[in-house]
Amino acid sequence: ATLEALRDDDTTPPHGLDAIPELVERAGRSGLDATLTIEGRRHDVPTAVGRTAYRVVQESLTNIARHADAGTASVHIDYRPDTLAIRIDDDGKATPDSAQEPGIGLLGMRERVTALGGRLRAAPRGEGGFTVQAELPVERAS
């Protein structure tokens, strides 16, 4: 049930940045202490960037619920002038020594981010837990 609450159903239009607060809230209702921080001056981003940001957060929270054995997760979104930066951290059991092959979810995130010309980093942290960082380029009209 927890994982289903974090998944999209195919009966609604794809979600974007505006749906991320609800996604984090749902993760919190599933027992994870989940927080959302938004920094920078919010500006419009292309629809594809918003959808990709949502899917990165969604897949990260799903992976935390499924694999991390974490108590907390933080989602940080930073609106930079030419980039939308996203970082998801958890306090789960992952360590650099326990790194495993990336699963379908991480590969899918990487494909989505790369298709937009962005970068994705997903790895265990030295102090424990896991971090997913995505940087998505944003072309802004002058």
N, C-alpha and C. Protein backbone atom coordinates (compact mmCIF):
# COMPACT_ATOMS: atom_id res chain seq x y z
N ALA A 1 0.84 -1.19 0.00
CA ALA A 1 0.00 0.00 0.00
C ALA A 1 0.88 1.25 0.00
N THR A 2 1.97 1.22 0.76
CA THR A 2 2.87 2.36 0.81
C THR A 2 3.43 2.67 -0.57
N LEU A 3 3.89 1.65 -1.26
CA LEU A 3 4.47 1.87 -2.57
C LEU A 3 3.43 2.32 -3.58
N GLU A 4 2.24 1.79 -3.49
CA GLU A 4 1.18 2.20 -4.40
C GLU A 4 0.82 3.68 -4.21
N ALA A 5 0.90 4.17 -2.98
CA ALA A 5 0.60 5.58 -2.72
C ALA A 5 1.60 6.50 -3.40
N LEU A 6 2.80 6.00 -3.66
CA LEU A 6 3.84 6.81 -4.28
C LEU A 6 3.85 6.68 -5.80
N ARG A 7 3.15 5.74 -6.35
CA ARG A 7 3.15 5.49 -7.78
C ARG A 7 2.06 6.29 -8.49
N ASP A 8 2.31 6.59 -9.74
CA ASP A 8 1.30 7.20 -10.60
C ASP A 8 0.30 6.14 -11.00
N ASP A 9 -0.94 6.56 -11.19
CA ASP A 9 -1.85 5.68 -11.91
C ASP A 9 -1.97 6.27 -13.30
N ASP A 10 -2.20 5.47 -14.27
CA ASP A 10 -2.23 5.94 -15.65
C ASP A 10 -3.54 6.60 -16.04
N THR A 11 -4.40 6.86 -15.07
CA THR A 11 -5.70 7.45 -15.39
C THR A 11 -5.68 8.97 -15.28
N THR A 12 -4.58 9.55 -14.77
CA THR A 12 -4.51 11.00 -14.63
C THR A 12 -3.37 11.53 -15.50
N PRO A 13 -3.43 12.83 -15.83
CA PRO A 13 -2.33 13.40 -16.60
C PRO A 13 -1.03 13.31 -15.81
N PRO A 14 0.11 13.29 -16.50
CA PRO A 14 1.40 13.23 -15.80
C PRO A 14 1.56 14.41 -14.84
N HIS A 15 2.21 14.16 -13.72
CA HIS A 15 2.42 15.19 -12.71
C HIS A 15 3.70 15.96 -12.99
N GLY A 16 3.77 17.16 -12.41
CA GLY A 16 4.95 18.00 -12.54
C GLY A 16 5.38 18.53 -11.19
N LEU A 17 6.10 19.64 -11.20
CA LEU A 17 6.64 20.23 -9.97
C LEU A 17 5.57 20.56 -8.94
N ASP A 18 4.41 21.02 -9.40
CA ASP A 18 3.36 21.40 -8.46
C ASP A 18 2.84 20.23 -7.64
N ALA A 19 3.06 19.02 -8.09
CA ALA A 19 2.57 17.83 -7.38
C ALA A 19 3.59 17.25 -6.41
N ILE A 20 4.80 17.77 -6.40
CA ILE A 20 5.84 17.22 -5.52
C ILE A 20 5.49 17.39 -4.03
N PRO A 21 4.96 18.54 -3.59
CA PRO A 21 4.60 18.62 -2.16
C PRO A 21 3.62 17.52 -1.72
N GLU A 22 2.64 17.21 -2.53
CA GLU A 22 1.70 16.14 -2.20
C GLU A 22 2.40 14.79 -2.17
N LEU A 23 3.33 14.58 -3.09
CA LEU A 23 4.09 13.33 -3.13
C LEU A 23 4.89 13.15 -1.84
N VAL A 24 5.54 14.21 -1.38
CA VAL A 24 6.32 14.15 -0.14
C VAL A 24 5.39 13.94 1.05
N GLU A 25 4.25 14.60 1.03
CA GLU A 25 3.27 14.44 2.10
C GLU A 25 2.77 12.99 2.18
N ARG A 26 2.49 12.39 1.03
CA ARG A 26 2.05 10.99 1.01
C ARG A 26 3.13 10.06 1.55
N ALA A 27 4.39 10.35 1.22
CA ALA A 27 5.48 9.54 1.77
C ALA A 27 5.50 9.65 3.28
N GLY A 28 5.22 10.86 3.79
CA GLY A 28 5.16 11.06 5.24
C GLY A 28 4.03 10.30 5.88
N ARG A 29 2.90 10.23 5.20
CA ARG A 29 1.75 9.49 5.76
C ARG A 29 2.02 7.99 5.77
N SER A 30 2.99 7.54 4.99
CA SER A 30 3.31 6.11 4.96
C SER A 30 4.28 5.72 6.06
N GLY A 31 4.68 6.68 6.91
CA GLY A 31 5.54 6.37 8.03
C GLY A 31 6.95 6.92 7.91
N LEU A 32 7.31 7.47 6.78
CA LEU A 32 8.63 8.05 6.58
C LEU A 32 8.59 9.51 7.02
N ASP A 33 9.57 9.96 7.78
CA ASP A 33 9.67 11.37 8.15
C ASP A 33 10.25 12.11 6.94
N ALA A 34 9.38 12.62 6.09
CA ALA A 34 9.79 13.21 4.82
C ALA A 34 9.61 14.73 4.86
N THR A 35 10.64 15.45 4.40
CA THR A 35 10.58 16.90 4.37
C THR A 35 10.88 17.40 2.96
N LEU A 36 10.36 18.59 2.67
CA LEU A 36 10.58 19.23 1.38
C LEU A 36 11.10 20.64 1.63
N THR A 37 12.20 20.99 0.98
CA THR A 37 12.76 22.34 1.04
C THR A 37 12.86 22.85 -0.40
N ILE A 38 12.37 24.06 -0.62
CA ILE A 38 12.46 24.69 -1.94
C ILE A 38 13.23 25.98 -1.79
N GLU A 39 14.27 26.14 -2.59
CA GLU A 39 15.11 27.33 -2.55
C GLU A 39 15.14 27.98 -3.92
N GLY A 40 15.61 29.21 -3.92
CA GLY A 40 15.74 29.95 -5.16
C GLY A 40 14.43 30.61 -5.54
N ARG A 41 14.53 31.41 -6.54
CA ARG A 41 13.35 32.12 -7.04
C ARG A 41 12.63 31.22 -8.03
N ARG A 42 11.41 30.84 -7.66
CA ARG A 42 10.66 29.93 -8.52
C ARG A 42 10.36 30.60 -9.86
N HIS A 43 10.57 29.84 -10.92
CA HIS A 43 10.27 30.32 -12.26
C HIS A 43 9.70 29.16 -13.06
N ASP A 44 9.06 29.50 -14.14
CA ASP A 44 8.49 28.46 -15.00
C ASP A 44 9.61 27.61 -15.59
N VAL A 45 9.33 26.33 -15.67
CA VAL A 45 10.26 25.41 -16.32
C VAL A 45 9.48 24.67 -17.40
N PRO A 46 10.16 24.17 -18.42
CA PRO A 46 9.46 23.40 -19.45
C PRO A 46 8.71 22.20 -18.82
N THR A 47 7.61 21.85 -19.43
CA THR A 47 6.79 20.74 -18.93
C THR A 47 7.60 19.48 -18.76
N ALA A 48 8.46 19.17 -19.71
CA ALA A 48 9.26 17.95 -19.63
C ALA A 48 10.19 17.98 -18.42
N VAL A 49 10.72 19.13 -18.08
CA VAL A 49 11.60 19.26 -16.91
C VAL A 49 10.78 19.03 -15.63
N GLY A 50 9.60 19.63 -15.56
CA GLY A 50 8.74 19.44 -14.39
C GLY A 50 8.33 17.99 -14.20
N ARG A 51 7.99 17.33 -15.28
CA ARG A 51 7.60 15.91 -15.21
C ARG A 51 8.78 15.04 -14.78
N THR A 52 9.95 15.33 -15.33
CA THR A 52 11.14 14.57 -14.97
C THR A 52 11.49 14.79 -13.50
N ALA A 53 11.39 16.02 -13.02
CA ALA A 53 11.66 16.30 -11.61
C ALA A 53 10.71 15.49 -10.73
N TYR A 54 9.45 15.47 -11.08
CA TYR A 54 8.47 14.70 -10.31
C TYR A 54 8.85 13.22 -10.30
N ARG A 55 9.18 12.68 -11.46
CA ARG A 55 9.49 11.25 -11.53
C ARG A 55 10.77 10.90 -10.76
N VAL A 56 11.75 11.80 -10.74
CA VAL A 56 12.97 11.55 -9.97
C VAL A 56 12.63 11.50 -8.49
N VAL A 57 11.84 12.46 -8.01
CA VAL A 57 11.44 12.46 -6.60
C VAL A 57 10.59 11.22 -6.30
N GLN A 58 9.64 10.93 -7.18
CA GLN A 58 8.76 9.78 -6.98
C GLN A 58 9.54 8.47 -6.90
N GLU A 59 10.42 8.25 -7.84
CA GLU A 59 11.19 7.01 -7.86
C GLU A 59 12.13 6.94 -6.66
N SER A 60 12.72 8.06 -6.29
CA SER A 60 13.61 8.09 -5.12
C SER A 60 12.85 7.73 -3.85
N LEU A 61 11.68 8.32 -3.65
CA LEU A 61 10.89 8.01 -2.46
C LEU A 61 10.40 6.56 -2.47
N THR A 62 10.06 6.06 -3.64
CA THR A 62 9.66 4.66 -3.75
C THR A 62 10.83 3.74 -3.39
N ASN A 63 12.03 4.06 -3.89
CA ASN A 63 13.20 3.26 -3.57
C ASN A 63 13.51 3.31 -2.07
N ILE A 64 13.34 4.47 -1.46
CA ILE A 64 13.57 4.59 -0.03
C ILE A 64 12.60 3.69 0.73
N ALA A 65 11.33 3.75 0.36
CA ALA A 65 10.33 2.92 1.03
C ALA A 65 10.60 1.43 0.81
N ARG A 66 11.07 1.09 -0.35
CA ARG A 66 11.25 -0.33 -0.71
C ARG A 66 12.56 -0.92 -0.21
N HIS A 67 13.65 -0.14 -0.26
CA HIS A 67 14.97 -0.72 -0.07
C HIS A 67 15.80 -0.15 1.08
N ALA A 68 15.54 1.07 1.51
CA ALA A 68 16.51 1.78 2.35
C ALA A 68 16.45 1.46 3.83
N ASP A 69 15.31 1.00 4.32
CA ASP A 69 15.15 0.84 5.76
C ASP A 69 15.46 2.16 6.46
N ALA A 70 14.93 3.24 5.90
CA ALA A 70 15.19 4.60 6.38
C ALA A 70 14.08 5.11 7.28
N GLY A 71 14.42 6.02 8.16
CA GLY A 71 13.43 6.70 8.98
C GLY A 71 13.11 8.07 8.44
N THR A 72 14.09 8.70 7.76
CA THR A 72 13.89 10.05 7.25
C THR A 72 14.31 10.15 5.78
N ALA A 73 13.69 11.09 5.11
CA ALA A 73 14.05 11.44 3.74
C ALA A 73 13.87 12.94 3.58
N SER A 74 14.80 13.57 2.89
CA SER A 74 14.66 14.99 2.61
C SER A 74 14.71 15.20 1.10
N VAL A 75 13.81 16.05 0.64
CA VAL A 75 13.76 16.42 -0.78
C VAL A 75 14.08 17.91 -0.84
N HIS A 76 15.07 18.24 -1.63
CA HIS A 76 15.52 19.63 -1.76
C HIS A 76 15.44 20.01 -3.23
N ILE A 77 14.71 21.08 -3.52
CA ILE A 77 14.59 21.59 -4.90
C ILE A 77 15.17 23.00 -4.90
N ASP A 78 16.09 23.24 -5.82
CA ASP A 78 16.74 24.54 -5.91
C ASP A 78 16.54 25.09 -7.32
N TYR A 79 15.80 26.20 -7.39
CA TYR A 79 15.60 26.90 -8.67
C TYR A 79 16.80 27.80 -8.89
N ARG A 80 17.68 27.40 -9.77
CA ARG A 80 18.83 28.21 -10.15
C ARG A 80 18.51 28.90 -11.47
N PRO A 81 19.27 29.92 -11.85
CA PRO A 81 18.92 30.65 -13.07
C PRO A 81 18.76 29.77 -14.31
N ASP A 82 19.67 28.82 -14.53
CA ASP A 82 19.61 28.01 -15.74
C ASP A 82 19.46 26.52 -15.46
N THR A 83 19.23 26.17 -14.19
CA THR A 83 19.18 24.76 -13.81
C THR A 83 18.15 24.55 -12.71
N LEU A 84 17.46 23.44 -12.77
CA LEU A 84 16.63 22.99 -11.66
C LEU A 84 17.41 21.86 -11.01
N ALA A 85 17.81 22.06 -9.76
CA ALA A 85 18.61 21.06 -9.05
C ALA A 85 17.72 20.36 -8.02
N ILE A 86 17.82 19.06 -7.97
CA ILE A 86 17.01 18.25 -7.07
C ILE A 86 17.96 17.34 -6.29
N ARG A 87 17.71 17.22 -5.00
CA ARG A 87 18.52 16.31 -4.18
C ARG A 87 17.59 15.60 -3.21
N ILE A 88 17.69 14.29 -3.16
CA ILE A 88 16.92 13.47 -2.24
C ILE A 88 17.91 12.66 -1.42
N ASP A 89 17.84 12.82 -0.10
CA ASP A 89 18.71 12.10 0.83
C ASP A 89 17.87 11.24 1.76
N ASP A 90 18.42 10.10 2.16
CA ASP A 90 17.77 9.31 3.20
C ASP A 90 18.82 8.88 4.23
N ASP A 91 18.34 8.41 5.36
CA ASP A 91 19.24 7.95 6.42
C ASP A 91 19.23 6.42 6.51
N GLY A 92 19.02 5.79 5.39
CA GLY A 92 18.90 4.34 5.35
C GLY A 92 20.21 3.61 5.55
N LYS A 93 20.16 2.32 5.26
CA LYS A 93 21.26 1.41 5.55
C LYS A 93 22.36 1.37 4.49
N ALA A 94 22.20 2.08 3.38
CA ALA A 94 23.21 2.04 2.31
C ALA A 94 24.53 2.64 2.79
N THR A 95 25.62 2.03 2.36
CA THR A 95 26.96 2.54 2.59
C THR A 95 27.75 2.35 1.29
N PRO A 96 28.87 3.07 1.15
CA PRO A 96 29.67 2.87 -0.06
C PRO A 96 30.09 1.42 -0.26
N ASP A 97 30.28 0.69 0.83
CA ASP A 97 30.68 -0.71 0.73
C ASP A 97 29.54 -1.62 0.28
N SER A 98 28.29 -1.13 0.42
CA SER A 98 27.13 -1.97 0.08
C SER A 98 26.53 -1.62 -1.27
N ALA A 99 27.24 -0.82 -2.07
CA ALA A 99 26.71 -0.39 -3.37
C ALA A 99 26.38 -1.61 -4.24
N GLN A 100 25.21 -1.54 -4.84
CA GLN A 100 24.77 -2.62 -5.72
C GLN A 100 24.56 -2.08 -7.12
N GLU A 101 24.32 -2.99 -8.05
CA GLU A 101 24.02 -2.58 -9.41
C GLU A 101 22.73 -1.76 -9.42
N PRO A 102 22.68 -0.68 -10.21
CA PRO A 102 21.45 0.11 -10.27
C PRO A 102 20.31 -0.71 -10.85
N GLY A 103 19.13 -0.52 -10.26
CA GLY A 103 17.94 -1.22 -10.74
C GLY A 103 17.26 -0.45 -11.85
N ILE A 104 16.14 -0.98 -12.28
CA ILE A 104 15.38 -0.38 -13.38
C ILE A 104 14.97 1.06 -13.07
N GLY A 105 14.58 1.32 -11.82
CA GLY A 105 14.15 2.67 -11.44
C GLY A 105 15.25 3.70 -11.60
N LEU A 106 16.45 3.37 -11.12
CA LEU A 106 17.57 4.30 -11.26
C LEU A 106 17.98 4.46 -12.71
N LEU A 107 17.96 3.38 -13.46
CA LEU A 107 18.29 3.48 -14.89
C LEU A 107 17.27 4.35 -15.62
N GLY A 108 15.99 4.20 -15.28
CA GLY A 108 14.95 5.02 -15.89
C GLY A 108 15.12 6.49 -15.56
N MET A 109 15.47 6.79 -14.30
CA MET A 109 15.73 8.18 -13.90
C MET A 109 16.88 8.75 -14.72
N ARG A 110 17.95 7.98 -14.83
CA ARG A 110 19.13 8.44 -15.58
C ARG A 110 18.76 8.73 -17.04
N GLU A 111 17.98 7.85 -17.64
CA GLU A 111 17.57 8.05 -19.04
C GLU A 111 16.75 9.32 -19.19
N ARG A 112 15.79 9.54 -18.29
CA ARG A 112 14.95 10.74 -18.37
C ARG A 112 15.78 12.01 -18.23
N VAL A 113 16.67 12.02 -17.24
CA VAL A 113 17.49 13.20 -16.99
C VAL A 113 18.45 13.45 -18.15
N THR A 114 19.11 12.41 -18.62
CA THR A 114 20.06 12.54 -19.72
C THR A 114 19.38 12.99 -21.01
N ALA A 115 18.17 12.52 -21.25
CA ALA A 115 17.43 12.92 -22.45
C ALA A 115 17.18 14.43 -22.49
N LEU A 116 17.14 15.06 -21.32
CA LEU A 116 16.93 16.51 -21.25
C LEU A 116 18.25 17.28 -21.20
N GLY A 117 19.37 16.55 -21.32
CA GLY A 117 20.68 17.20 -21.26
C GLY A 117 21.17 17.42 -19.84
N GLY A 118 20.57 16.73 -18.87
CA GLY A 118 20.94 16.90 -17.47
C GLY A 118 21.90 15.84 -16.99
N ARG A 119 22.17 15.90 -15.68
CA ARG A 119 23.07 14.95 -15.04
C ARG A 119 22.38 14.35 -13.83
N LEU A 120 22.66 13.08 -13.58
CA LEU A 120 22.11 12.38 -12.41
C LEU A 120 23.25 11.68 -11.70
N ARG A 121 23.25 11.82 -10.39
CA ARG A 121 24.19 11.08 -9.55
C ARG A 121 23.35 10.38 -8.49
N ALA A 122 23.55 9.10 -8.33
CA ALA A 122 22.83 8.31 -7.33
C ALA A 122 23.81 7.36 -6.69
N ALA A 123 24.04 7.55 -5.37
CA ALA A 123 25.06 6.73 -4.72
C ALA A 123 24.90 6.78 -3.21
N PRO A 124 25.41 5.74 -2.54
CA PRO A 124 25.46 5.77 -1.08
C PRO A 124 26.40 6.88 -0.61
N ARG A 125 26.11 7.45 0.56
CA ARG A 125 26.97 8.47 1.16
C ARG A 125 27.94 7.83 2.13
N GLY A 126 29.09 8.46 2.33
CA GLY A 126 30.10 7.95 3.25
C GLY A 126 29.58 7.79 4.66
N GLU A 127 28.73 8.70 5.10
CA GLU A 127 28.20 8.64 6.46
C GLU A 127 26.99 7.72 6.58
N GLY A 128 26.63 7.08 5.50
CA GLY A 128 25.47 6.19 5.48
C GLY A 128 24.28 6.86 4.82
N GLY A 129 23.39 6.06 4.32
CA GLY A 129 22.24 6.59 3.58
C GLY A 129 22.55 6.72 2.10
N PHE A 130 21.61 7.25 1.38
CA PHE A 130 21.71 7.31 -0.08
C PHE A 130 21.32 8.71 -0.54
N THR A 131 21.94 9.17 -1.61
CA THR A 131 21.64 10.47 -2.20
C THR A 131 21.37 10.31 -3.69
N VAL A 132 20.33 10.98 -4.15
CA VAL A 132 20.07 11.12 -5.58
C VAL A 132 20.11 12.61 -5.87
N GLN A 133 20.95 12.99 -6.83
CA GLN A 133 21.05 14.38 -7.25
C GLN A 133 20.80 14.46 -8.75
N ALA A 134 19.93 15.38 -9.13
CA ALA A 134 19.67 15.60 -10.55
C ALA A 134 19.80 17.09 -10.84
N GLU A 135 20.42 17.39 -11.94
CA GLU A 135 20.48 18.76 -12.43
C GLU A 135 19.90 18.78 -13.82
N LEU A 136 18.82 19.55 -13.96
CA LEU A 136 18.10 19.62 -15.23
C LEU A 136 18.25 21.02 -15.80
N PRO A 137 18.79 21.13 -17.01
CA PRO A 137 18.94 22.47 -17.60
C PRO A 137 17.58 23.08 -17.92
N VAL A 138 17.52 24.39 -17.72
CA VAL A 138 16.27 25.12 -17.97
C VAL A 138 16.59 26.30 -18.86
N GLU A 139 16.03 26.31 -20.04
CA GLU A 139 16.18 27.46 -20.92
C GLU A 139 15.09 28.45 -20.57
N ARG A 140 15.50 29.66 -20.27
CA ARG A 140 14.53 30.68 -19.90
C ARG A 140 14.45 31.73 -20.99
N ALA A 141 13.23 32.20 -21.21
CA ALA A 141 13.04 33.26 -22.20
C ALA A 141 13.59 34.57 -21.64
N SER A 142 14.24 35.37 -22.52
CA SER A 142 14.78 36.64 -22.03
C SER A 142 13.78 37.74 -22.15
